[in-house]
Amino acid sequence: GGDLRQEKLAQLLAEDGHTVHTYALGQPQEAVSGLTAE
């Protein structure tokens, strides 16, 4: 969940090398390795 802050948070975490899943956050605006919308 969350707004644009959480969307950017998920992207930044993935860019740091973590495996990141999002839920109730819509589709990522850009493809990032390690980031998956569930």
Full PDB file with SEQRES, HELIX, SHEET, SSBOND, CRYST1, ORIGX, SCALE, CONECT and MASTER records, all heavy atoms in Angstrom:
SEQRES   1 A   38  GLY GLY ASP LEU ARG GLN GLU LYS LEU ALA GLN LEU LEU          
SEQRES   2 A   38  ALA GLU ASP GLY HIS THR VAL HIS THR TYR ALA LEU GLY          
SEQRES   3 A   38  GLN PRO GLN GLU ALA VAL SER GLY LEU THR ALA GLU              
HELIX    1 AA1 LEU A    4  GLU A   15  1                                  12    
SHEET    1 AA1 2 VAL A  20  THR A  22  0                                        
SHEET    2 AA1 2 LEU A  35  ALA A  37  1                                        
CRYST1    1.000    1.000    1.000  90.00  90.00  90.00 P 1           1          
ORIGX1      1.000000  0.000000  0.000000        0.00000                         
ORIGX2      0.000000  1.000000  0.000000        0.00000                         
ORIGX3      0.000000  0.000000  1.000000        0.00000                         
SCALE1      1.000000  0.000000  0.000000        0.00000                         
SCALE2      0.000000  1.000000  0.000000        0.00000                         
SCALE3      0.000000  0.000000  1.000000        0.00000                         
ATOM      1  N   GLY A   1       0.811  -1.216   0.000  1.00  0.00           N  
ATOM      2  CA  GLY A   1       0.000   0.000   0.000  1.00  0.00           C  
ATOM      3  C   GLY A   1       0.838   1.257   0.000  1.00  0.00           C  
ATOM      4  O   GLY A   1       2.067   1.235  -0.004  1.00  0.00           O  
ATOM      5  N   GLY A   2       0.130   2.406  -0.007  1.00  0.00           N  
ATOM      6  CA  GLY A   2       0.810   3.684   0.056  1.00  0.00           C  
ATOM      7  C   GLY A   2       0.642   4.509  -1.206  1.00  0.00           C  
ATOM      8  O   GLY A   2      -0.068   4.131  -2.138  1.00  0.00           O  
ATOM      9  N   ASP A   3       1.316   5.654  -1.211  1.00  0.00           N  
ATOM     10  CA  ASP A   3       1.218   6.601  -2.318  1.00  0.00           C  
ATOM     11  C   ASP A   3       2.528   6.621  -3.093  1.00  0.00           C  
ATOM     12  O   ASP A   3       3.290   5.640  -3.076  1.00  0.00           O  
ATOM     13  CB  ASP A   3       0.829   7.987  -1.799  1.00  0.00           C  
ATOM     14  CG  ASP A   3       1.779   8.494  -0.712  1.00  0.00           C  
ATOM     15  OD1 ASP A   3       2.935   8.014  -0.632  1.00  0.00           O  
ATOM     16  OD2 ASP A   3       1.371   9.373   0.072  1.00  0.00           O  
ATOM     17  N   LEU A   4       2.817   7.734  -3.766  1.00  0.00           N  
ATOM     18  CA  LEU A   4       4.018   7.823  -4.588  1.00  0.00           C  
ATOM     19  C   LEU A   4       5.298   7.656  -3.776  1.00  0.00           C  
ATOM     20  O   LEU A   4       6.321   7.210  -4.298  1.00  0.00           O  
ATOM     21  CB  LEU A   4       4.049   9.160  -5.333  1.00  0.00           C  
ATOM     22  CG  LEU A   4       3.024   9.328  -6.456  1.00  0.00           C  
ATOM     23  CD1 LEU A   4       3.093  10.749  -7.023  1.00  0.00           C  
ATOM     24  CD2 LEU A   4       3.258   8.307  -7.564  1.00  0.00           C  
ATOM     25  N   ARG A   5       5.245   7.989  -2.486  1.00  0.00           N  
ATOM     26  CA  ARG A   5       6.428   7.792  -1.646  1.00  0.00           C  
ATOM     27  C   ARG A   5       6.799   6.318  -1.566  1.00  0.00           C  
ATOM     28  O   ARG A   5       7.968   5.945  -1.691  1.00  0.00           O  
ATOM     29  CB  ARG A   5       6.184   8.332  -0.240  1.00  0.00           C  
ATOM     30  CG  ARG A   5       6.144   9.824  -0.131  1.00  0.00           C  
ATOM     31  CD  ARG A   5       5.695  10.278   1.236  1.00  0.00           C  
ATOM     32  NE  ARG A   5       4.275  10.048   1.442  1.00  0.00           N  
ATOM     33  CZ  ARG A   5       3.594  10.500   2.477  1.00  0.00           C  
ATOM     34  NH1 ARG A   5       4.208  11.177   3.427  1.00  0.00           N  
ATOM     35  NH2 ARG A   5       2.295  10.275   2.606  1.00  0.00           N  
ATOM     36  N   GLN A   6       5.777   5.472  -1.348  1.00  0.00           N  
ATOM     37  CA  GLN A   6       6.041   4.038  -1.251  1.00  0.00           C  
ATOM     38  C   GLN A   6       6.432   3.452  -2.609  1.00  0.00           C  
ATOM     39  O   GLN A   6       7.232   2.522  -2.677  1.00  0.00           O  
ATOM     40  CB  GLN A   6       4.819   3.310  -0.687  1.00  0.00           C  
ATOM     41  CG  GLN A   6       4.756   3.278   0.826  1.00  0.00           C  
ATOM     42  CD  GLN A   6       4.478   4.638   1.424  1.00  0.00           C  
ATOM     43  OE1 GLN A   6       3.753   5.454   0.856  1.00  0.00           O  
ATOM     44  NE2 GLN A   6       5.072   4.927   2.571  1.00  0.00           N  
ATOM     45  N   GLU A   7       5.868   4.000  -3.663  1.00  0.00           N  
ATOM     46  CA  GLU A   7       6.262   3.539  -5.002  1.00  0.00           C  
ATOM     47  C   GLU A   7       7.743   3.803  -5.241  1.00  0.00           C  
ATOM     48  O   GLU A   7       8.481   2.935  -5.718  1.00  0.00           O  
ATOM     49  CB  GLU A   7       5.423   4.238  -6.066  1.00  0.00           C  
ATOM     50  CG  GLU A   7       5.726   3.784  -7.480  1.00  0.00           C  
ATOM     51  CD  GLU A   7       4.862   4.510  -8.498  1.00  0.00           C  
ATOM     52  OE1 GLU A   7       5.258   5.609  -8.931  1.00  0.00           O  
ATOM     53  OE2 GLU A   7       3.792   3.980  -8.850  1.00  0.00           O  
ATOM     54  N   LYS A   8       8.200   5.011  -4.916  1.00  0.00           N  
ATOM     55  CA  LYS A   8       9.615   5.342  -5.074  1.00  0.00           C  
ATOM     56  C   LYS A   8      10.470   4.566  -4.081  1.00  0.00           C  
ATOM     57  O   LYS A   8      11.600   4.163  -4.397  1.00  0.00           O  
ATOM     58  CB  LYS A   8       9.817   6.842  -4.887  1.00  0.00           C  
ATOM     59  CG  LYS A   8       9.136   7.690  -5.947  1.00  0.00           C  
ATOM     60  CD  LYS A   8       9.637   7.337  -7.352  1.00  0.00           C  
ATOM     61  CE  LYS A   8       8.964   8.182  -8.411  1.00  0.00           C  
ATOM     62  NZ  LYS A   8       9.395   7.820  -9.791  1.00  0.00           N  
ATOM     63  N   LEU A   9       9.960   4.351  -2.868  1.00  0.00           N  
ATOM     64  CA  LEU A   9      10.667   3.554  -1.872  1.00  0.00           C  
ATOM     65  C   LEU A   9      10.949   2.155  -2.407  1.00  0.00           C  
ATOM     66  O   LEU A   9      12.083   1.655  -2.311  1.00  0.00           O  
ATOM     67  CB  LEU A   9       9.833   3.476  -0.592  1.00  0.00           C  
ATOM     68  CG  LEU A   9      10.249   2.441   0.452  1.00  0.00           C  
ATOM     69  CD1 LEU A   9      11.614   2.771   1.015  1.00  0.00           C  
ATOM     70  CD2 LEU A   9       9.206   2.352   1.565  1.00  0.00           C  
ATOM     71  N   ALA A  10       9.923   1.508  -2.980  1.00  0.00           N  
ATOM     72  CA  ALA A  10      10.094   0.161  -3.518  1.00  0.00           C  
ATOM     73  C   ALA A  10      11.155   0.146  -4.617  1.00  0.00           C  
ATOM     74  O   ALA A  10      12.013  -0.752  -4.673  1.00  0.00           O  
ATOM     75  CB  ALA A  10       8.762  -0.356  -4.061  1.00  0.00           C  
ATOM     76  N   GLN A  11      11.119   1.147  -5.478  1.00  0.00           N  
ATOM     77  CA  GLN A  11      12.098   1.239  -6.562  1.00  0.00           C  
ATOM     78  C   GLN A  11      13.512   1.398  -6.005  1.00  0.00           C  
ATOM     79  O   GLN A  11      14.453   0.723  -6.462  1.00  0.00           O  
ATOM     80  CB  GLN A  11      11.751   2.408  -7.470  1.00  0.00           C  
ATOM     81  CG  GLN A  11      12.731   2.630  -8.614  1.00  0.00           C  
ATOM     82  CD  GLN A  11      12.353   3.843  -9.453  1.00  0.00           C  
ATOM     83  OE1 GLN A  11      11.177   4.149  -9.628  1.00  0.00           O  
ATOM     84  NE2 GLN A  11      13.350   4.528  -9.965  1.00  0.00           N  
ATOM     85  N   LEU A  12      13.679   2.252  -5.032  1.00  0.00           N  
ATOM     86  CA  LEU A  12      15.004   2.487  -4.449  1.00  0.00           C  
ATOM     87  C   LEU A  12      15.538   1.249  -3.742  1.00  0.00           C  
ATOM     88  O   LEU A  12      16.737   0.937  -3.829  1.00  0.00           O  
ATOM     89  CB  LEU A  12      14.926   3.657  -3.468  1.00  0.00           C  
ATOM     90  CG  LEU A  12      14.669   5.035  -4.085  1.00  0.00           C  
ATOM     91  CD1 LEU A  12      14.346   6.053  -2.992  1.00  0.00           C  
ATOM     92  CD2 LEU A  12      15.861   5.494  -4.908  1.00  0.00           C  
ATOM     93  N   LEU A  13      14.655   0.535  -3.044  1.00  0.00           N  
ATOM     94  CA  LEU A  13      15.080  -0.697  -2.373  1.00  0.00           C  
ATOM     95  C   LEU A  13      15.556  -1.743  -3.376  1.00  0.00           C  
ATOM     96  O   LEU A  13      16.557  -2.438  -3.156  1.00  0.00           O  
ATOM     97  CB  LEU A  13      13.932  -1.253  -1.532  1.00  0.00           C  
ATOM     98  CG  LEU A  13      13.535  -0.443  -0.294  1.00  0.00           C  
ATOM     99  CD1 LEU A  13      12.218  -0.943   0.277  1.00  0.00           C  
ATOM    100  CD2 LEU A  13      14.634  -0.504   0.763  1.00  0.00           C  
ATOM    101  N   ALA A  14      14.838  -1.856  -4.492  1.00  0.00           N  
ATOM    102  CA  ALA A  14      15.237  -2.805  -5.532  1.00  0.00           C  
ATOM    103  C   ALA A  14      16.574  -2.389  -6.153  1.00  0.00           C  
ATOM    104  O   ALA A  14      17.438  -3.240  -6.433  1.00  0.00           O  
ATOM    105  CB  ALA A  14      14.150  -2.896  -6.599  1.00  0.00           C  
ATOM    106  N   GLU A  15      16.752  -1.111  -6.377  1.00  0.00           N  
ATOM    107  CA  GLU A  15      18.011  -0.625  -6.939  1.00  0.00           C  
ATOM    108  C   GLU A  15      19.179  -0.869  -5.995  1.00  0.00           C  
ATOM    109  O   GLU A  15      20.330  -0.985  -6.447  1.00  0.00           O  
ATOM    110  CB  GLU A  15      17.891   0.866  -7.269  1.00  0.00           C  
ATOM    111  CG  GLU A  15      16.963   1.146  -8.438  1.00  0.00           C  
ATOM    112  CD  GLU A  15      16.717   2.634  -8.656  1.00  0.00           C  
ATOM    113  OE1 GLU A  15      17.136   3.436  -7.787  1.00  0.00           O  
ATOM    114  OE2 GLU A  15      16.097   2.989  -9.672  1.00  0.00           O  
ATOM    115  N   ASP A  16      18.897  -0.988  -4.697  1.00  0.00           N  
ATOM    116  CA  ASP A  16      19.936  -1.304  -3.715  1.00  0.00           C  
ATOM    117  C   ASP A  16      20.273  -2.790  -3.677  1.00  0.00           C  
ATOM    118  O   ASP A  16      21.138  -3.203  -2.894  1.00  0.00           O  
ATOM    119  CB  ASP A  16      19.488  -0.859  -2.320  1.00  0.00           C  
ATOM    120  CG  ASP A  16      19.584   0.651  -2.131  1.00  0.00           C  
ATOM    121  OD1 ASP A  16      20.219   1.321  -2.966  1.00  0.00           O  
ATOM    122  OD2 ASP A  16      19.014   1.153  -1.150  1.00  0.00           O  
ATOM    123  N   GLY A  17      19.596  -3.590  -4.482  1.00  0.00           N  
ATOM    124  CA  GLY A  17      19.906  -5.010  -4.568  1.00  0.00           C  
ATOM    125  C   GLY A  17      18.995  -5.928  -3.798  1.00  0.00           C  
ATOM    126  O   GLY A  17      19.229  -7.149  -3.757  1.00  0.00           O  
ATOM    127  N   HIS A  18      17.924  -5.419  -3.195  1.00  0.00           N  
ATOM    128  CA  HIS A  18      16.985  -6.258  -2.472  1.00  0.00           C  
ATOM    129  C   HIS A  18      15.935  -6.826  -3.426  1.00  0.00           C  
ATOM    130  O   HIS A  18      15.662  -6.269  -4.496  1.00  0.00           O  
ATOM    131  CB  HIS A  18      16.298  -5.453  -1.367  1.00  0.00           C  
ATOM    132  CG  HIS A  18      17.261  -4.850  -0.399  1.00  0.00           C  
ATOM    133  ND1 HIS A  18      18.033  -5.597   0.461  1.00  0.00           N  
ATOM    134  CD2 HIS A  18      17.594  -3.541  -0.160  1.00  0.00           C  
ATOM    135  CE1 HIS A  18      18.790  -4.800   1.193  1.00  0.00           C  
ATOM    136  NE2 HIS A  18      18.540  -3.544   0.836  1.00  0.00           N  
ATOM    137  N   THR A  19      15.341  -7.950  -3.027  1.00  0.00           N  
ATOM    138  CA  THR A  19      14.199  -8.498  -3.757  1.00  0.00           C  
ATOM    139  C   THR A  19      12.954  -7.856  -3.190  1.00  0.00           C  
ATOM    140  O   THR A  19      12.636  -8.022  -2.008  1.00  0.00           O  
ATOM    141  CB  THR A  19      14.128 -10.027  -3.592  1.00  0.00           C  
ATOM    142  OG1 THR A  19      15.320 -10.601  -4.112  1.00  0.00           O  
ATOM    143  CG2 THR A  19      12.919 -10.588  -4.324  1.00  0.00           C  
ATOM    144  N   VAL A  20      12.239  -7.112  -4.027  1.00  0.00           N  
ATOM    145  CA  VAL A  20      11.143  -6.278  -3.537  1.00  0.00           C  
ATOM    146  C   VAL A  20       9.840  -6.665  -4.223  1.00  0.00           C  
ATOM    147  O   VAL A  20       9.776  -6.773  -5.453  1.00  0.00           O  
ATOM    148  CB  VAL A  20      11.427  -4.776  -3.776  1.00  0.00           C  
ATOM    149  CG1 VAL A  20      10.282  -3.923  -3.247  1.00  0.00           C  
ATOM    150  CG2 VAL A  20      12.742  -4.379  -3.117  1.00  0.00           C  
ATOM    151  N   HIS A  21       8.807  -6.878  -3.413  1.00  0.00           N  
ATOM    152  CA  HIS A  21       7.460  -7.154  -3.912  1.00  0.00           C  
ATOM    153  C   HIS A  21       6.554  -6.016  -3.448  1.00  0.00           C  
ATOM    154  O   HIS A  21       6.672  -5.543  -2.320  1.00  0.00           O  
ATOM    155  CB  HIS A  21       6.931  -8.476  -3.362  1.00  0.00           C  
ATOM    156  CG  HIS A  21       7.823  -9.644  -3.629  1.00  0.00           C  
ATOM    157  ND1 HIS A  21       7.652 -10.487  -4.691  1.00  0.00           N  
ATOM    158  CD2 HIS A  21       8.913 -10.106  -2.944  1.00  0.00           C  
ATOM    159  CE1 HIS A  21       8.586 -11.419  -4.673  1.00  0.00           C  
ATOM    160  NE2 HIS A  21       9.366 -11.213  -3.620  1.00  0.00           N  
ATOM    161  N   THR A  22       5.651  -5.599  -4.318  1.00  0.00           N  
ATOM    162  CA  THR A  22       4.667  -4.593  -3.916  1.00  0.00           C  
ATOM    163  C   THR A  22       3.276  -5.194  -4.003  1.00  0.00           C  
ATOM    164  O   THR A  22       2.999  -6.076  -4.817  1.00  0.00           O  
ATOM    165  CB  THR A  22       4.736  -3.338  -4.804  1.00  0.00           C  
ATOM    166  OG1 THR A  22       4.363  -3.670  -6.149  1.00  0.00           O  
ATOM    167  CG2 THR A  22       6.118  -2.725  -4.779  1.00  0.00           C  
ATOM    168  N   TYR A  23       2.401  -4.702  -3.140  1.00  0.00           N  
ATOM    169  CA  TYR A  23       1.006  -5.132  -3.129  1.00  0.00           C  
ATOM    170  C   TYR A  23       0.146  -3.911  -2.826  1.00  0.00           C  
ATOM    171  O   TYR A  23       0.498  -3.083  -1.983  1.00  0.00           O  
ATOM    172  CB  TYR A  23       0.788  -6.213  -2.069  1.00  0.00           C  
ATOM    173  CG  TYR A  23      -0.656  -6.628  -1.906  1.00  0.00           C  
ATOM    174  CD1 TYR A  23      -1.284  -7.439  -2.851  1.00  0.00           C  
ATOM    175  CD2 TYR A  23      -1.404  -6.188  -0.813  1.00  0.00           C  
ATOM    176  CE1 TYR A  23      -2.616  -7.804  -2.709  1.00  0.00           C  
ATOM    177  CE2 TYR A  23      -2.735  -6.549  -0.664  1.00  0.00           C  
ATOM    178  CZ  TYR A  23      -3.332  -7.358  -1.618  1.00  0.00           C  
ATOM    179  OH  TYR A  23      -4.655  -7.715  -1.477  1.00  0.00           O  
ATOM    180  N   ALA A  24      -0.970  -3.790  -3.551  1.00  0.00           N  
ATOM    181  CA  ALA A  24      -1.889  -2.658  -3.382  1.00  0.00           C  
ATOM    182  C   ALA A  24      -1.182  -1.330  -3.640  1.00  0.00           C  
ATOM    183  O   ALA A  24      -1.448  -0.321  -3.001  1.00  0.00           O  
ATOM    184  CB  ALA A  24      -2.513  -2.662  -1.980  1.00  0.00           C  
ATOM    185  N   LEU A  25      -0.262  -1.346  -4.598  1.00  0.00           N  
ATOM    186  CA  LEU A  25       0.512  -0.157  -4.923  1.00  0.00           C  
ATOM    187  C   LEU A  25       0.476   0.140  -6.421  1.00  0.00           C  
ATOM    188  O   LEU A  25       1.227   0.981  -6.907  1.00  0.00           O  
ATOM    189  CB  LEU A  25       1.970  -0.350  -4.458  1.00  0.00           C  
ATOM    190  CG  LEU A  25       2.881   0.871  -4.340  1.00  0.00           C  
ATOM    191  CD1 LEU A  25       2.271   1.945  -3.450  1.00  0.00           C  
ATOM    192  CD2 LEU A  25       4.250   0.464  -3.821  1.00  0.00           C  
ATOM    193  N   GLY A  26      -0.401  -0.532  -7.139  1.00  0.00           N  
ATOM    194  CA  GLY A  26      -0.479  -0.325  -8.580  1.00  0.00           C  
ATOM    195  C   GLY A  26       0.703  -0.959  -9.291  1.00  0.00           C  
ATOM    196  O   GLY A  26       1.517  -1.668  -8.693  1.00  0.00           O  
ATOM    197  N   GLN A  27       0.827  -0.687 -10.575  1.00  0.00           N  
ATOM    198  CA  GLN A  27       1.933  -1.202 -11.368  1.00  0.00           C  
ATOM    199  C   GLN A  27       3.100  -0.220 -11.339  1.00  0.00           C  
ATOM    200  O   GLN A  27       2.901   0.990 -11.387  1.00  0.00           O  
ATOM    201  CB  GLN A  27       1.496  -1.431 -12.813  1.00  0.00           C  
ATOM    202  CG  GLN A  27       0.517  -2.580 -13.005  1.00  0.00           C  
ATOM    203  CD  GLN A  27       1.109  -3.926 -12.613  1.00  0.00           C  
ATOM    204  OE1 GLN A  27       2.276  -4.226 -12.900  1.00  0.00           O  
ATOM    205  NE2 GLN A  27       0.301  -4.752 -11.944  1.00  0.00           N  
ATOM    206  N   PRO A  28       4.343  -0.733 -11.252  1.00  0.00           N  
ATOM    207  CA  PRO A  28       5.507   0.171 -11.263  1.00  0.00           C  
ATOM    208  C   PRO A  28       5.513   1.026 -12.522  1.00  0.00           C  
ATOM    209  O   PRO A  28       5.177   0.542 -13.618  1.00  0.00           O  
ATOM    210  CB  PRO A  28       6.697  -0.792 -11.222  1.00  0.00           C  
ATOM    211  CG  PRO A  28       6.154  -2.077 -10.673  1.00  0.00           C  
ATOM    212  CD  PRO A  28       4.743  -2.157 -11.138  1.00  0.00           C  
ATOM    213  N   GLN A  29       5.901   2.274 -12.397  1.00  0.00           N  
ATOM    214  CA  GLN A  29       5.945   3.167 -13.546  1.00  0.00           C  
ATOM    215  C   GLN A  29       7.089   2.841 -14.479  1.00  0.00           C  
ATOM    216  O   GLN A  29       7.061   3.203 -15.653  1.00  0.00           O  
ATOM    217  CB  GLN A  29       6.044   4.624 -13.072  1.00  0.00           C  
ATOM    218  CG  GLN A  29       4.792   5.114 -12.357  1.00  0.00           C  
ATOM    219  CD  GLN A  29       4.853   6.597 -12.029  1.00  0.00           C  
ATOM    220  OE1 GLN A  29       5.836   7.278 -12.324  1.00  0.00           O  
ATOM    221  NE2 GLN A  29       3.794   7.106 -11.420  1.00  0.00           N  
ATOM    222  N   GLU A  30       8.117   2.177 -13.968  1.00  0.00           N  
ATOM    223  CA  GLU A  30       9.227   1.747 -14.820  1.00  0.00           C  
ATOM    224  C   GLU A  30       9.738   0.404 -14.325  1.00  0.00           C  
ATOM    225  O   GLU A  30       9.654   0.078 -13.142  1.00  0.00           O  
ATOM    226  CB  GLU A  30      10.345   2.788 -14.811  1.00  0.00           C  
ATOM    227  CG  GLU A  30      10.867   3.146 -13.436  1.00  0.00           C  
ATOM    228  CD  GLU A  30      11.903   4.247 -13.483  1.00  0.00           C  
ATOM    229  OE1 GLU A  30      13.084   3.940 -13.785  1.00  0.00           O  
ATOM    230  OE2 GLU A  30      11.534   5.405 -13.231  1.00  0.00           O  
ATOM    231  N   ALA A  31      10.255  -0.385 -15.278  1.00  0.00           N  
ATOM    232  CA  ALA A  31      10.744  -1.715 -14.941  1.00  0.00           C  
ATOM    233  C   ALA A  31      12.069  -1.605 -14.195  1.00  0.00           C  
ATOM    234  O   ALA A  31      12.986  -0.914 -14.644  1.00  0.00           O  
ATOM    235  CB  ALA A  31      10.922  -2.542 -16.214  1.00  0.00           C  
ATOM    236  N   VAL A  32      12.149  -2.273 -13.048  1.00  0.00           N  
ATOM    237  CA  VAL A  32      13.365  -2.287 -12.242  1.00  0.00           C  
ATOM    238  C   VAL A  32      13.662  -3.729 -11.875  1.00  0.00           C  
ATOM    239  O   VAL A  32      12.781  -4.456 -11.408  1.00  0.00           O  
ATOM    240  CB  VAL A  32      13.203  -1.441 -10.961  1.00  0.00           C  
ATOM    241  CG1 VAL A  32      14.467  -1.507 -10.110  1.00  0.00           C  
ATOM    242  CG2 VAL A  32      12.870  -0.001 -11.303  1.00  0.00           C  
ATOM    243  N   SER A  33      14.889  -4.156 -12.098  1.00  0.00           N  
ATOM    244  CA  SER A  33      15.282  -5.521 -11.758  1.00  0.00           C  
ATOM    245  C   SER A  33      15.075  -5.773 -10.278  1.00  0.00           C  
ATOM    246  O   SER A  33      15.475  -4.963  -9.430  1.00  0.00           O  
ATOM    247  CB  SER A  33      16.752  -5.740 -12.127  1.00  0.00           C  
ATOM    248  OG  SER A  33      17.185  -7.024 -11.749  1.00  0.00           O  
ATOM    249  N   GLY A  34      14.425  -6.896  -9.947  1.00  0.00           N  
ATOM    250  CA  GLY A  34      14.198  -7.253  -8.554  1.00  0.00           C  
ATOM    251  C   GLY A  34      12.928  -6.702  -7.966  1.00  0.00           C  
ATOM    252  O   GLY A  34      12.631  -6.950  -6.792  1.00  0.00           O  
ATOM    253  N   LEU A  35      12.139  -5.967  -8.772  1.00  0.00           N  
ATOM    254  CA  LEU A  35      10.899  -5.374  -8.281  1.00  0.00           C  
ATOM    255  C   LEU A  35       9.716  -6.010  -8.993  1.00  0.00           C  
ATOM    256  O   LEU A  35       9.632  -5.989 -10.226  1.00  0.00           O  
ATOM    257  CB  LEU A  35      10.903  -3.865  -8.540  1.00  0.00           C  
ATOM    258  CG  LEU A  35       9.627  -3.084  -8.181  1.00  0.00           C  
ATOM    259  CD1 LEU A  35       9.303  -3.218  -6.701  1.00  0.00           C  
ATOM    260  CD2 LEU A  35       9.777  -1.622  -8.571  1.00  0.00           C  
ATOM    261  N   THR A  36       8.776  -6.571  -8.194  1.00  0.00           N  
ATOM    262  CA  THR A  36       7.621  -7.266  -8.755  1.00  0.00           C  
ATOM    263  C   THR A  36       6.346  -6.793  -8.086  1.00  0.00           C  
ATOM    264  O   THR A  36       6.268  -6.750  -6.854  1.00  0.00           O  
ATOM    265  CB  THR A  36       7.739  -8.795  -8.555  1.00  0.00           C  
ATOM    266  OG1 THR A  36       8.991  -9.244  -9.079  1.00  0.00           O  
ATOM    267  CG2 THR A  36       6.603  -9.519  -9.263  1.00  0.00           C  
ATOM    268  N   ALA A  37       5.367  -6.442  -8.895  1.00  0.00           N  
ATOM    269  CA  ALA A  37       4.044  -6.097  -8.370  1.00  0.00           C  
ATOM    270  C   ALA A  37       3.229  -7.370  -8.232  1.00  0.00           C  
ATOM    271  O   ALA A  37       3.094  -8.133  -9.194  1.00  0.00           O  
ATOM    272  CB  ALA A  37       3.348  -5.113  -9.298  1.00  0.00           C  
ATOM    273  N   GLU A  38       2.690  -7.626  -7.054  1.00  0.00           N  
ATOM    274  CA  GLU A  38       1.961  -8.851  -6.771  1.00  0.00           C  
ATOM    275  C   GLU A  38       0.461  -8.573  -6.672  1.00  0.00           C  
ATOM    276  O   GLU A  38       0.036  -7.525  -6.180  1.00  0.00           O  
ATOM    277  CB  GLU A  38       2.444  -9.473  -5.457  1.00  0.00           C  
ATOM    278  CG  GLU A  38       3.937  -9.745  -5.401  1.00  0.00           C  
ATOM    279  CD  GLU A  38       4.356 -10.936  -6.246  1.00  0.00           C  
ATOM    280  OE1 GLU A  38       3.473 -11.593  -6.835  1.00  0.00           O  
ATOM    281  OE2 GLU A  38       5.560 -11.217  -6.308  1.00  0.00           O  
TER     282      GLU A  38                                                      
MASTER        0    0    0    1    2    0    0    6  281    1    0    3          
END                                                                             
